[in-house]
Amino acid sequence: QVGDALKIAPKSIPHVRNHLRRAKSGFKVLRDLRIPVRDGS
């Protein structure tokens, strides 16, 4: 319901657990950053 109101898909339990597992080990992930390359792509 919250996700529908905010137009955001809620995170699944495995998704959250993966983030917590990394946090327990002292790090985090930034997903799918766009890294620019020389031809503009």
PDB file of all heavy atoms in Angstrom:
ATOM      1  N   GLN A   1       0.826  -1.208   0.000  1.00  0.00           N
ATOM      2  CA  GLN A   1       0.000   0.000   0.000  1.00  0.00           C
ATOM      3  C   GLN A   1       0.864   1.263   0.000  1.00  0.00           C
ATOM      4  O   GLN A   1       0.602   2.222  -0.744  1.00  0.00           O
ATOM      5  CB  GLN A   1      -0.931  -0.012   1.213  1.00  0.00           C
ATOM      6  CG  GLN A   1      -1.982  -1.114   1.159  1.00  0.00           C
ATOM      7  CD  GLN A   1      -2.722  -1.293   2.479  1.00  0.00           C
ATOM      8  OE1 GLN A   1      -2.159  -1.060   3.556  1.00  0.00           O
ATOM      9  NE2 GLN A   1      -3.984  -1.725   2.401  1.00  0.00           N
ATOM     10  N   VAL A   2       1.912   1.257   0.844  1.00  0.00           N
ATOM     11  CA  VAL A   2       2.834   2.399   0.880  1.00  0.00           C
ATOM     12  C   VAL A   2       3.517   2.556  -0.473  1.00  0.00           C
ATOM     13  O   VAL A   2       3.651   3.663  -1.011  1.00  0.00           O
ATOM     14  CB  VAL A   2       3.870   2.219   2.011  1.00  0.00           C
ATOM     15  CG1 VAL A   2       4.973   3.273   1.902  1.00  0.00           C
ATOM     16  CG2 VAL A   2       3.195   2.287   3.368  1.00  0.00           C
ATOM     17  N   GLY A   3       3.955   1.425  -1.038  1.00  0.00           N
ATOM     18  CA  GLY A   3       4.626   1.467  -2.336  1.00  0.00           C
ATOM     19  C   GLY A   3       3.734   1.986  -3.437  1.00  0.00           C
ATOM     20  O   GLY A   3       4.172   2.776  -4.290  1.00  0.00           O
ATOM     21  N   ASP A   4       2.473   1.565  -3.438  1.00  0.00           N
ATOM     22  CA  ASP A   4       1.540   2.067  -4.454  1.00  0.00           C
ATOM     23  C   ASP A   4       1.378   3.574  -4.336  1.00  0.00           C
ATOM     24  O   ASP A   4       1.327   4.294  -5.347  1.00  0.00           O
ATOM     25  CB  ASP A   4       0.180   1.383  -4.303  1.00  0.00           C
ATOM     26  CG  ASP A   4       0.199  -0.075  -4.745  1.00  0.00           C
ATOM     27  OD1 ASP A   4       1.166  -0.470  -5.437  1.00  0.00           O
ATOM     28  OD2 ASP A   4      -0.735  -0.815  -4.387  1.00  0.00           O
ATOM     29  N   ALA A   5       1.286   4.067  -3.116  1.00  0.00           N
ATOM     30  CA  ALA A   5       1.100   5.505  -2.913  1.00  0.00           C
ATOM     31  C   ALA A   5       2.330   6.295  -3.351  1.00  0.00           C
ATOM     32  O   ALA A   5       2.209   7.412  -3.873  1.00  0.00           O
ATOM     33  CB  ALA A   5       0.778   5.780  -1.445  1.00  0.00           C
ATOM     34  N   LEU A   6       3.523   5.710  -3.136  1.00  0.00           N
ATOM     35  CA  LEU A   6       4.767   6.410  -3.480  1.00  0.00           C
ATOM     36  C   LEU A   6       5.280   6.040  -4.862  1.00  0.00           C
ATOM     37  O   LEU A   6       6.301   6.578  -5.306  1.00  0.00           O
ATOM     38  CB  LEU A   6       5.848   6.077  -2.435  1.00  0.00           C
ATOM     39  CG  LEU A   6       5.608   6.595  -1.019  1.00  0.00           C
ATOM     40  CD1 LEU A   6       6.664   6.039  -0.068  1.00  0.00           C
ATOM     41  CD2 LEU A   6       5.615   8.121  -0.998  1.00  0.00           C
ATOM     42  N   LYS A   7       4.583   5.096  -5.532  1.00  0.00           N
ATOM     43  CA  LYS A   7       5.017   4.590  -6.838  1.00  0.00           C
ATOM     44  C   LYS A   7       6.412   3.986  -6.752  1.00  0.00           C
ATOM     45  O   LYS A   7       7.290   4.240  -7.584  1.00  0.00           O
ATOM     46  CB  LYS A   7       4.955   5.688  -7.898  1.00  0.00           C
ATOM     47  CG  LYS A   7       3.534   6.195  -8.163  1.00  0.00           C
ATOM     48  CD  LYS A   7       3.517   7.276  -9.232  1.00  0.00           C
ATOM     49  CE  LYS A   7       2.088   7.640  -9.595  1.00  0.00           C
ATOM     50  NZ  LYS A   7       1.250   8.042  -8.448  1.00  0.00           N
ATOM     51  N   ILE A   8       6.612   3.175  -5.704  1.00  0.00           N
ATOM     52  CA  ILE A   8       7.883   2.488  -5.455  1.00  0.00           C
ATOM     53  C   ILE A   8       7.577   1.027  -5.159  1.00  0.00           C
ATOM     54  O   ILE A   8       6.648   0.726  -4.403  1.00  0.00           O
ATOM     55  CB  ILE A   8       8.637   3.116  -4.263  1.00  0.00           C
ATOM     56  CG1 ILE A   8       9.042   4.555  -4.574  1.00  0.00           C
ATOM     57  CG2 ILE A   8       9.875   2.288  -3.915  1.00  0.00           C
ATOM     58  CD1 ILE A   8       9.652   5.268  -3.382  1.00  0.00           C
ATOM     59  N   ALA A   9       8.348   0.123  -5.750  1.00  0.00           N
ATOM     60  CA  ALA A   9       8.168  -1.300  -5.468  1.00  0.00           C
ATOM     61  C   ALA A   9       8.830  -1.642  -4.135  1.00  0.00           C
ATOM     62  O   ALA A   9      10.011  -1.328  -3.928  1.00  0.00           O
ATOM     63  CB  ALA A   9       8.782  -2.155  -6.582  1.00  0.00           C
ATOM     64  N   PRO A  10       8.103  -2.262  -3.197  1.00  0.00           N
ATOM     65  CA  PRO A  10       8.721  -2.638  -1.912  1.00  0.00           C
ATOM     66  C   PRO A  10       9.847  -3.649  -2.114  1.00  0.00           C
ATOM     67  O   PRO A  10       9.850  -4.429  -3.069  1.00  0.00           O
ATOM     68  CB  PRO A  10       7.555  -3.267  -1.136  1.00  0.00           C
ATOM     69  CG  PRO A  10       6.316  -2.818  -1.832  1.00  0.00           C
ATOM     70  CD  PRO A  10       6.680  -2.630  -3.266  1.00  0.00           C
ATOM     71  N   LYS A  11      10.794  -3.638  -1.189  1.00  0.00           N
ATOM     72  CA  LYS A  11      11.902  -4.582  -1.248  1.00  0.00           C
ATOM     73  C   LYS A  11      11.463  -5.938  -0.682  1.00  0.00           C
ATOM     74  O   LYS A  11      10.755  -6.011   0.324  1.00  0.00           O
ATOM     75  CB  LYS A  11      13.096  -4.051  -0.446  1.00  0.00           C
ATOM     76  CG  LYS A  11      13.635  -2.710  -0.946  1.00  0.00           C
ATOM     77  CD  LYS A  11      14.190  -2.820  -2.363  1.00  0.00           C
ATOM     78  CE  LYS A  11      14.892  -1.554  -2.821  1.00  0.00           C
ATOM     79  NZ  LYS A  11      13.990  -0.410  -3.021  1.00  0.00           N
ATOM     80  N   SER A  12      11.935  -6.989  -1.326  1.00  0.00           N
ATOM     81  CA  SER A  12      11.653  -8.335  -0.833  1.00  0.00           C
ATOM     82  C   SER A  12      12.518  -8.636   0.386  1.00  0.00           C
ATOM     83  O   SER A  12      13.527  -7.955   0.644  1.00  0.00           O
ATOM     84  CB  SER A  12      11.946  -9.368  -1.926  1.00  0.00           C
ATOM     85  OG  SER A  12      13.333  -9.382  -2.229  1.00  0.00           O
ATOM     86  N   ILE A  13      12.126  -9.653   1.130  1.00  0.00           N
ATOM     87  CA  ILE A  13      12.918 -10.045   2.308  1.00  0.00           C
ATOM     88  C   ILE A  13      14.338 -10.447   1.914  1.00  0.00           C
ATOM     89  O   ILE A  13      15.311 -10.007   2.552  1.00  0.00           O
ATOM     90  CB  ILE A  13      12.195 -11.158   3.093  1.00  0.00           C
ATOM     91  CG1 ILE A  13      10.926 -10.583   3.740  1.00  0.00           C
ATOM     92  CG2 ILE A  13      13.107 -11.758   4.156  1.00  0.00           C
ATOM     93  CD1 ILE A  13      10.061 -11.620   4.423  1.00  0.00           C
ATOM     94  N   PRO A  14      14.548 -11.277   0.859  1.00  0.00           N
ATOM     95  CA  PRO A  14      15.931 -11.574   0.465  1.00  0.00           C
ATOM     96  C   PRO A  14      16.725 -10.329   0.089  1.00  0.00           C
ATOM     97  O   PRO A  14      17.919 -10.231   0.399  1.00  0.00           O
ATOM     98  CB  PRO A  14      15.755 -12.513  -0.731  1.00  0.00           C
ATOM     99  CG  PRO A  14      14.439 -13.166  -0.513  1.00  0.00           C
ATOM    100  CD  PRO A  14      13.586 -12.089   0.098  1.00  0.00           C
ATOM    101  N   HIS A  15      16.083  -9.372  -0.587  1.00  0.00           N
ATOM    102  CA  HIS A  15      16.758  -8.127  -0.968  1.00  0.00           C
ATOM    103  C   HIS A  15      17.261  -7.398   0.279  1.00  0.00           C
ATOM    104  O   HIS A  15      18.428  -6.968   0.349  1.00  0.00           O
ATOM    105  CB  HIS A  15      15.773  -7.255  -1.740  1.00  0.00           C
ATOM    106  CG  HIS A  15      16.399  -6.133  -2.501  1.00  0.00           C
ATOM    107  ND1 HIS A  15      15.829  -5.579  -3.615  1.00  0.00           N
ATOM    108  CD2 HIS A  15      17.547  -5.433  -2.300  1.00  0.00           C
ATOM    109  CE1 HIS A  15      16.591  -4.604  -4.074  1.00  0.00           C
ATOM    110  NE2 HIS A  15      17.640  -4.488  -3.288  1.00  0.00           N
ATOM    111  N   VAL A  16      16.387  -7.275   1.274  1.00  0.00           N
ATOM    112  CA  VAL A  16      16.757  -6.599   2.521  1.00  0.00           C
ATOM    113  C   VAL A  16      17.842  -7.378   3.248  1.00  0.00           C
ATOM    114  O   VAL A  16      18.809  -6.800   3.772  1.00  0.00           O
ATOM    115  CB  VAL A  16      15.504  -6.429   3.406  1.00  0.00           C
ATOM    116  CG1 VAL A  16      15.888  -5.972   4.810  1.00  0.00           C
ATOM    117  CG2 VAL A  16      14.545  -5.440   2.776  1.00  0.00           C
ATOM    118  N   ARG A  17      17.716  -8.685   3.287  1.00  0.00           N
ATOM    119  CA  ARG A  17      18.712  -9.497   3.984  1.00  0.00           C
ATOM    120  C   ARG A  17      20.079  -9.363   3.321  1.00  0.00           C
ATOM    121  O   ARG A  17      21.117  -9.359   4.003  1.00  0.00           O
ATOM    122  CB  ARG A  17      18.251 -10.951   4.015  1.00  0.00           C
ATOM    123  CG  ARG A  17      18.979 -11.799   5.033  1.00  0.00           C
ATOM    124  CD  ARG A  17      18.161 -12.967   5.503  1.00  0.00           C
ATOM    125  NE  ARG A  17      17.513 -13.667   4.402  1.00  0.00           N
ATOM    126  CZ  ARG A  17      16.336 -14.281   4.506  1.00  0.00           C
ATOM    127  NH1 ARG A  17      15.674 -14.274   5.643  1.00  0.00           N
ATOM    128  NH2 ARG A  17      15.804 -14.898   3.469  1.00  0.00           N
ATOM    129  N   ASN A  18      20.122  -9.234   2.008  1.00  0.00           N
ATOM    130  CA  ASN A  18      21.402  -9.038   1.322  1.00  0.00           C
ATOM    131  C   ASN A  18      22.053  -7.727   1.744  1.00  0.00           C
ATOM    132  O   ASN A  18      23.269  -7.664   1.960  1.00  0.00           O
ATOM    133  CB  ASN A  18      21.194  -9.070  -0.195  1.00  0.00           C
ATOM    134  CG  ASN A  18      20.845 -10.450  -0.713  1.00  0.00           C
ATOM    135  OD1 ASN A  18      21.237 -11.457  -0.118  1.00  0.00           O
ATOM    136  ND2 ASN A  18      20.117 -10.509  -1.816  1.00  0.00           N
ATOM    137  N   HIS A  19      21.241  -6.666   1.859  1.00  0.00           N
ATOM    138  CA  HIS A  19      21.795  -5.390   2.334  1.00  0.00           C
ATOM    139  C   HIS A  19      22.297  -5.517   3.776  1.00  0.00           C
ATOM    140  O   HIS A  19      23.367  -4.991   4.125  1.00  0.00           O
ATOM    141  CB  HIS A  19      20.731  -4.296   2.270  1.00  0.00           C
ATOM    142  CG  HIS A  19      20.495  -3.753   0.887  1.00  0.00           C
ATOM    143  ND1 HIS A  19      21.508  -3.569  -0.023  1.00  0.00           N
ATOM    144  CD2 HIS A  19      19.350  -3.338   0.271  1.00  0.00           C
ATOM    145  CE1 HIS A  19      21.013  -3.063  -1.135  1.00  0.00           C
ATOM    146  NE2 HIS A  19      19.696  -2.915  -0.993  1.00  0.00           N
ATOM    147  N   LEU A  20      21.526  -6.178   4.624  1.00  0.00           N
ATOM    148  CA  LEU A  20      21.926  -6.331   6.024  1.00  0.00           C
ATOM    149  C   LEU A  20      23.197  -7.162   6.142  1.00  0.00           C
ATOM    150  O   LEU A  20      24.059  -6.890   6.992  1.00  0.00           O
ATOM    151  CB  LEU A  20      20.795  -6.984   6.817  1.00  0.00           C
ATOM    152  CG  LEU A  20      19.525  -6.147   7.008  1.00  0.00           C
ATOM    153  CD1 LEU A  20      18.447  -6.965   7.702  1.00  0.00           C
ATOM    154  CD2 LEU A  20      19.827  -4.879   7.807  1.00  0.00           C
ATOM    155  N   ARG A  21      23.318  -8.166   5.308  1.00  0.00           N
ATOM    156  CA  ARG A  21      24.514  -9.019   5.347  1.00  0.00           C
ATOM    157  C   ARG A  21      25.761  -8.194   5.040  1.00  0.00           C
ATOM    158  O   ARG A  21      26.803  -8.344   5.690  1.00  0.00           O
ATOM    159  CB  ARG A  21      24.343 -10.163   4.339  1.00  0.00           C
ATOM    160  CG  ARG A  21      25.460 -11.190   4.357  1.00  0.00           C
ATOM    161  CD  ARG A  21      25.174 -12.312   3.369  1.00  0.00           C
ATOM    162  NE  ARG A  21      24.047 -13.136   3.798  1.00  0.00           N
ATOM    163  CZ  ARG A  21      22.861 -13.150   3.199  1.00  0.00           C
ATOM    164  NH1 ARG A  21      22.643 -12.376   2.143  1.00  0.00           N
ATOM    165  NH2 ARG A  21      21.884 -13.920   3.643  1.00  0.00           N
ATOM    166  N   ARG A  22      25.663  -7.335   4.040  1.00  0.00           N
ATOM    167  CA  ARG A  22      26.798  -6.464   3.734  1.00  0.00           C
ATOM    168  C   ARG A  22      27.058  -5.486   4.880  1.00  0.00           C
ATOM    169  O   ARG A  22      28.215  -5.245   5.254  1.00  0.00           O
ATOM    170  CB  ARG A  22      26.535  -5.715   2.424  1.00  0.00           C
ATOM    171  CG  ARG A  22      26.746  -6.554   1.177  1.00  0.00           C
ATOM    172  CD  ARG A  22      26.596  -5.729  -0.096  1.00  0.00           C
ATOM    173  NE  ARG A  22      25.196  -5.433  -0.356  1.00  0.00           N
ATOM    174  CZ  ARG A  22      24.390  -6.187  -1.102  1.00  0.00           C
ATOM    175  NH1 ARG A  22      24.854  -7.298  -1.658  1.00  0.00           N
ATOM    176  NH2 ARG A  22      23.126  -5.836  -1.305  1.00  0.00           N
ATOM    177  N   ALA A  23      25.990  -4.908   5.427  1.00  0.00           N
ATOM    178  CA  ALA A  23      26.171  -3.952   6.526  1.00  0.00           C
ATOM    179  C   ALA A  23      26.847  -4.610   7.721  1.00  0.00           C
ATOM    180  O   ALA A  23      27.688  -3.998   8.394  1.00  0.00           O
ATOM    181  CB  ALA A  23      24.822  -3.366   6.925  1.00  0.00           C
ATOM    182  N   LYS A  24      26.475  -5.845   8.005  1.00  0.00           N
ATOM    183  CA  LYS A  24      27.123  -6.578   9.102  1.00  0.00           C
ATOM    184  C   LYS A  24      28.627  -6.711   8.872  1.00  0.00           C
ATOM    185  O   LYS A  24      29.418  -6.743   9.818  1.00  0.00           O
ATOM    186  CB  LYS A  24      26.507  -7.969   9.233  1.00  0.00           C
ATOM    187  CG  LYS A  24      25.176  -8.015   9.953  1.00  0.00           C
ATOM    188  CD  LYS A  24      25.384  -8.142  11.462  1.00  0.00           C
ATOM    189  CE  LYS A  24      24.106  -8.420  12.188  1.00  0.00           C
ATOM    190  NZ  LYS A  24      24.300  -8.516  13.654  1.00  0.00           N
ATOM    191  N   SER A  25      29.018  -6.804   7.600  1.00  0.00           N
ATOM    192  CA  SER A  25      30.437  -6.925   7.264  1.00  0.00           C
ATOM    193  C   SER A  25      31.098  -5.581   7.024  1.00  0.00           C
ATOM    194  O   SER A  25      32.274  -5.519   6.655  1.00  0.00           O
ATOM    195  CB  SER A  25      30.602  -7.811   6.017  1.00  0.00           C
ATOM    196  OG  SER A  25      30.210  -9.137   6.294  1.00  0.00           O
ATOM    197  N   GLY A  26      30.329  -4.485   7.181  1.00  0.00           N
ATOM    198  CA  GLY A  26      30.924  -3.156   7.133  1.00  0.00           C
ATOM    199  C   GLY A  26      30.971  -2.511   5.774  1.00  0.00           C
ATOM    200  O   GLY A  26      31.807  -1.636   5.538  1.00  0.00           O
ATOM    201  N   PHE A  27      30.054  -2.883   4.856  1.00  0.00           N
ATOM    202  CA  PHE A  27      30.076  -2.200   3.565  1.00  0.00           C
ATOM    203  C   PHE A  27      28.682  -2.169   2.952  1.00  0.00           C
ATOM    204  O   PHE A  27      27.724  -2.722   3.497  1.00  0.00           O
ATOM    205  CB  PHE A  27      31.098  -2.840   2.622  1.00  0.00           C
ATOM    206  CG  PHE A  27      30.775  -4.230   2.123  1.00  0.00           C
ATOM    207  CD1 PHE A  27      30.284  -4.441   0.843  1.00  0.00           C
ATOM    208  CD2 PHE A  27      31.022  -5.350   2.914  1.00  0.00           C
ATOM    209  CE1 PHE A  27      30.009  -5.716   0.371  1.00  0.00           C
ATOM    210  CE2 PHE A  27      30.760  -6.634   2.449  1.00  0.00           C
ATOM    211  CZ  PHE A  27      30.244  -6.810   1.167  1.00  0.00           C
ATOM    212  N   LYS A  28      28.580  -1.492   1.825  1.00  0.00           N
ATOM    213  CA  LYS A  28      27.298  -1.318   1.142  1.00  0.00           C
ATOM    214  C   LYS A  28      27.529  -1.378  -0.362  1.00  0.00           C
ATOM    215  O   LYS A  28      28.668  -1.348  -0.843  1.00  0.00           O
ATOM    216  CB  LYS A  28      26.669   0.021   1.517  1.00  0.00           C
ATOM    217  CG  LYS A  28      27.487   1.232   1.061  1.00  0.00           C
ATOM    218  CD  LYS A  28      26.843   2.545   1.481  1.00  0.00           C
ATOM    219  CE  LYS A  28      27.681   3.743   1.046  1.00  0.00           C
ATOM    220  NZ  LYS A  28      27.077   5.023   1.440  1.00  0.00           N
ATOM    221  N   VAL A  29      26.423  -1.445  -1.129  1.00  0.00           N
ATOM    222  CA  VAL A  29      26.519  -1.481  -2.583  1.00  0.00           C
ATOM    223  C   VAL A  29      25.735  -0.328  -3.187  1.00  0.00           C
ATOM    224  O   VAL A  29      24.668   0.047  -2.701  1.00  0.00           O
ATOM    225  CB  VAL A  29      26.010  -2.827  -3.147  1.00  0.00           C
ATOM    226  CG1 VAL A  29      24.527  -3.044  -2.843  1.00  0.00           C
ATOM    227  CG2 VAL A  29      26.263  -2.917  -4.648  1.00  0.00           C
ATOM    228  N   LEU A  30      26.290   0.247  -4.232  1.00  0.00           N
ATOM    229  CA  LEU A  30      25.613   1.224  -5.075  1.00  0.00           C
ATOM    230  C   LEU A  30      25.394   0.537  -6.415  1.00  0.00           C
ATOM    231  O   LEU A  30      26.369   0.182  -7.101  1.00  0.00           O
ATOM    232  CB  LEU A  30      26.452   2.489  -5.274  1.00  0.00           C
ATOM    233  CG  LEU A  30      26.632   3.466  -4.109  1.00  0.00           C
ATOM    234  CD1 LEU A  30      27.272   2.827  -2.886  1.00  0.00           C
ATOM    235  CD2 LEU A  30      27.451   4.665  -4.557  1.00  0.00           C
ATOM    236  N   ARG A  31      24.152   0.310  -6.784  1.00  0.00           N
ATOM    237  CA  ARG A  31      23.840  -0.506  -7.949  1.00  0.00           C
ATOM    238  C   ARG A  31      23.736   0.317  -9.241  1.00  0.00           C
ATOM    239  O   ARG A  31      23.183   1.417  -9.263  1.00  0.00           O
ATOM    240  CB  ARG A  31      22.502  -1.220  -7.753  1.00  0.00           C
ATOM    241  CG  ARG A  31      22.490  -2.291  -6.679  1.00  0.00           C
ATOM    242  CD  ARG A  31      23.184  -3.539  -7.140  1.00  0.00           C
ATOM    243  NE  ARG A  31      22.949  -4.662  -6.227  1.00  0.00           N
ATOM    244  CZ  ARG A  31      23.750  -5.699  -6.106  1.00  0.00           C
ATOM    245  NH1 ARG A  31      24.834  -5.778  -6.848  1.00  0.00           N
ATOM    246  NH2 ARG A  31      23.469  -6.667  -5.262  1.00  0.00           N
ATOM    247  N   ASP A  32      24.277  -0.267 -10.298  1.00  0.00           N
ATOM    248  CA  ASP A  32      24.053   0.197 -11.669  1.00  0.00           C
ATOM    249  C   ASP A  32      24.313   1.681 -11.863  1.00  0.00           C
ATOM    250  O   ASP A  32      23.501   2.408 -12.446  1.00  0.00           O
ATOM    251  CB  ASP A  32      22.631  -0.157 -12.119  1.00  0.00           C
ATOM    252  CG  ASP A  32      22.435  -1.663 -12.271  1.00  0.00           C
ATOM    253  OD1 ASP A  32      23.331  -2.317 -12.825  1.00  0.00           O
ATOM    254  OD2 ASP A  32      21.392  -2.178 -11.816  1.00  0.00           O
ATOM    255  N   LEU A  33      25.459   2.148 -11.371  1.00  0.00           N
ATOM    256  CA  LEU A  33      25.864   3.517 -11.656  1.00  0.00           C
ATOM    257  C   LEU A  33      26.254   3.638 -13.123  1.00  0.00           C
ATOM    258  O   LEU A  33      26.902   2.757 -13.683  1.00  0.00           O
ATOM    259  CB  LEU A  33      27.045   3.921 -10.773  1.00  0.00           C
ATOM    260  CG  LEU A  33      26.825   3.917  -9.262  1.00  0.00           C
ATOM    261  CD1 LEU A  33      28.024   4.551  -8.566  1.00  0.00           C
ATOM    262  CD2 LEU A  33      25.545   4.632  -8.874  1.00  0.00           C
ATOM    263  N   ARG A  34      25.871   4.734 -13.735  1.00  0.00           N
ATOM    264  CA  ARG A  34      26.246   4.966 -15.132  1.00  0.00           C
ATOM    265  C   ARG A  34      27.658   5.539 -15.183  1.00  0.00           C
ATOM    266  O   ARG A  34      27.898   6.665 -14.725  1.00  0.00           O
ATOM    267  CB  ARG A  34      25.260   5.920 -15.800  1.00  0.00           C
ATOM    268  CG  ARG A  34      23.896   5.310 -16.043  1.00  0.00           C
ATOM    269  CD  ARG A  34      23.084   6.184 -16.982  1.00  0.00           C
ATOM    270  NE  ARG A  34      21.828   5.547 -17.354  1.00  0.00           N
ATOM    271  CZ  ARG A  34      21.078   5.930 -18.385  1.00  0.00           C
ATOM    272  NH1 ARG A  34      21.452   6.963 -19.126  1.00  0.00           N
ATOM    273  NH2 ARG A  34      19.956   5.300 -18.660  1.00  0.00           N
ATOM    274  N   ILE A  35      28.554   4.792 -15.764  1.00  0.00           N
ATOM    275  CA  ILE A  35      29.943   5.229 -15.901  1.00  0.00           C
ATOM    276  C   ILE A  35      30.124   5.731 -17.327  1.00  0.00           C
ATOM    277  O   ILE A  35      30.005   4.958 -18.289  1.00  0.00           O
ATOM    278  CB  ILE A  35      30.900   4.069 -15.594  1.00  0.00           C
ATOM    279  CG1 ILE A  35      30.667   3.565 -14.161  1.00  0.00           C
ATOM    280  CG2 ILE A  35      32.351   4.496 -15.803  1.00  0.00           C
ATOM    281  CD1 ILE A  35      31.456   2.313 -13.814  1.00  0.00           C
ATOM    282  N   PRO A  36      30.370   7.026 -17.511  1.00  0.00           N
ATOM    283  CA  PRO A  36      30.458   7.584 -18.873  1.00  0.00           C
ATOM    284  C   PRO A  36      31.697   7.082 -19.610  1.00  0.00           C
ATOM    285  O   PRO A  36      32.757   6.874 -19.011  1.00  0.00           O
ATOM    286  CB  PRO A  36      30.528   9.090 -18.626  1.00  0.00           C
ATOM    287  CG  PRO A  36      31.080   9.226 -17.237  1.00  0.00           C
ATOM    288  CD  PRO A  36      30.587   8.042 -16.469  1.00  0.00           C
ATOM    289  N   VAL A  37      31.566   6.869 -20.907  1.00  0.00           N
ATOM    290  CA  VAL A  37      32.682   6.455 -21.749  1.00  0.00           C
ATOM    291  C   VAL A  37      32.837   7.438 -22.903  1.00  0.00           C
ATOM    292  O   VAL A  37      31.969   8.281 -23.148  1.00  0.00           O
ATOM    293  CB  VAL A  37      32.495   5.012 -22.265  1.00  0.00           C
ATOM    294  CG1 VAL A  37      32.509   4.037 -21.092  1.00  0.00           C
ATOM    295  CG2 VAL A  37      31.195   4.859 -23.052  1.00  0.00           C
ATOM    296  N   ARG A  38      33.918   7.330 -23.600  1.00  0.00           N
ATOM    297  CA  ARG A  38      34.383   8.389 -24.501  1.00  0.00           C
ATOM    298  C   ARG A  38      33.449   8.707 -25.671  1.00  0.00           C
ATOM    299  O   ARG A  38      33.490   9.812 -26.206  1.00  0.00           O
ATOM    300  CB  ARG A  38      35.766   8.027 -25.040  1.00  0.00           C
ATOM    301  CG  ARG A  38      35.804   6.789 -25.922  1.00  0.00           C
ATOM    302  CD  ARG A  38      37.217   6.338 -26.187  1.00  0.00           C
ATOM    303  NE  ARG A  38      37.852   5.864 -24.962  1.00  0.00           N
ATOM    304  CZ  ARG A  38      39.105   5.422 -24.898  1.00  0.00           C
ATOM    305  NH1 ARG A  38      39.847   5.376 -25.987  1.00  0.00           N
ATOM    306  NH2 ARG A  38      39.617   5.008 -23.757  1.00  0.00           N
ATOM    307  N   ASP A  39      32.622   7.757 -26.105  1.00  0.00           N
ATOM    308  CA  ASP A  39      31.758   8.037 -27.249  1.00  0.00           C
ATOM    309  C   ASP A  39      30.401   8.592 -26.835  1.00  0.00           C
ATOM    310  O   ASP A  39      29.478   8.664 -27.652  1.00  0.00           O
ATOM    311  CB  ASP A  39      31.583   6.791 -28.115  1.00  0.00           C
ATOM    312  CG  ASP A  39      30.833   5.669 -27.403  1.00  0.00           C
ATOM    313  OD1 ASP A  39      30.479   5.845 -26.223  1.00  0.00           O
ATOM    314  OD2 ASP A  39      30.627   4.603 -28.027  1.00  0.00           O
ATOM    315  N   GLY A  40      30.262   8.983 -25.556  1.00  0.00           N
ATOM    316  CA  GLY A  40      29.016   9.548 -25.077  1.00  0.00           C
ATOM    317  C   GLY A  40      28.050   8.542 -24.508  1.00  0.00           C
ATOM    318  O   GLY A  40      26.990   8.916 -23.996  1.00  0.00           O
ATOM    319  N   SER A  41      28.397   7.272 -24.583  1.00  0.00           N
ATOM    320  CA  SER A  41      27.541   6.235 -24.026  1.00  0.00           C
ATOM    321  C   SER A  41      27.956   5.969 -22.578  1.00  0.00           C
ATOM    322  O   SER A  41      28.596   6.809 -21.938  1.00  0.00           O
ATOM    323  CB  SER A  41      27.638   4.962 -24.868  1.00  0.00           C
ATOM    324  OG  SER A  41      26.694   4.001 -24.440  1.00  0.00           O
TER     325      SER A  41
END
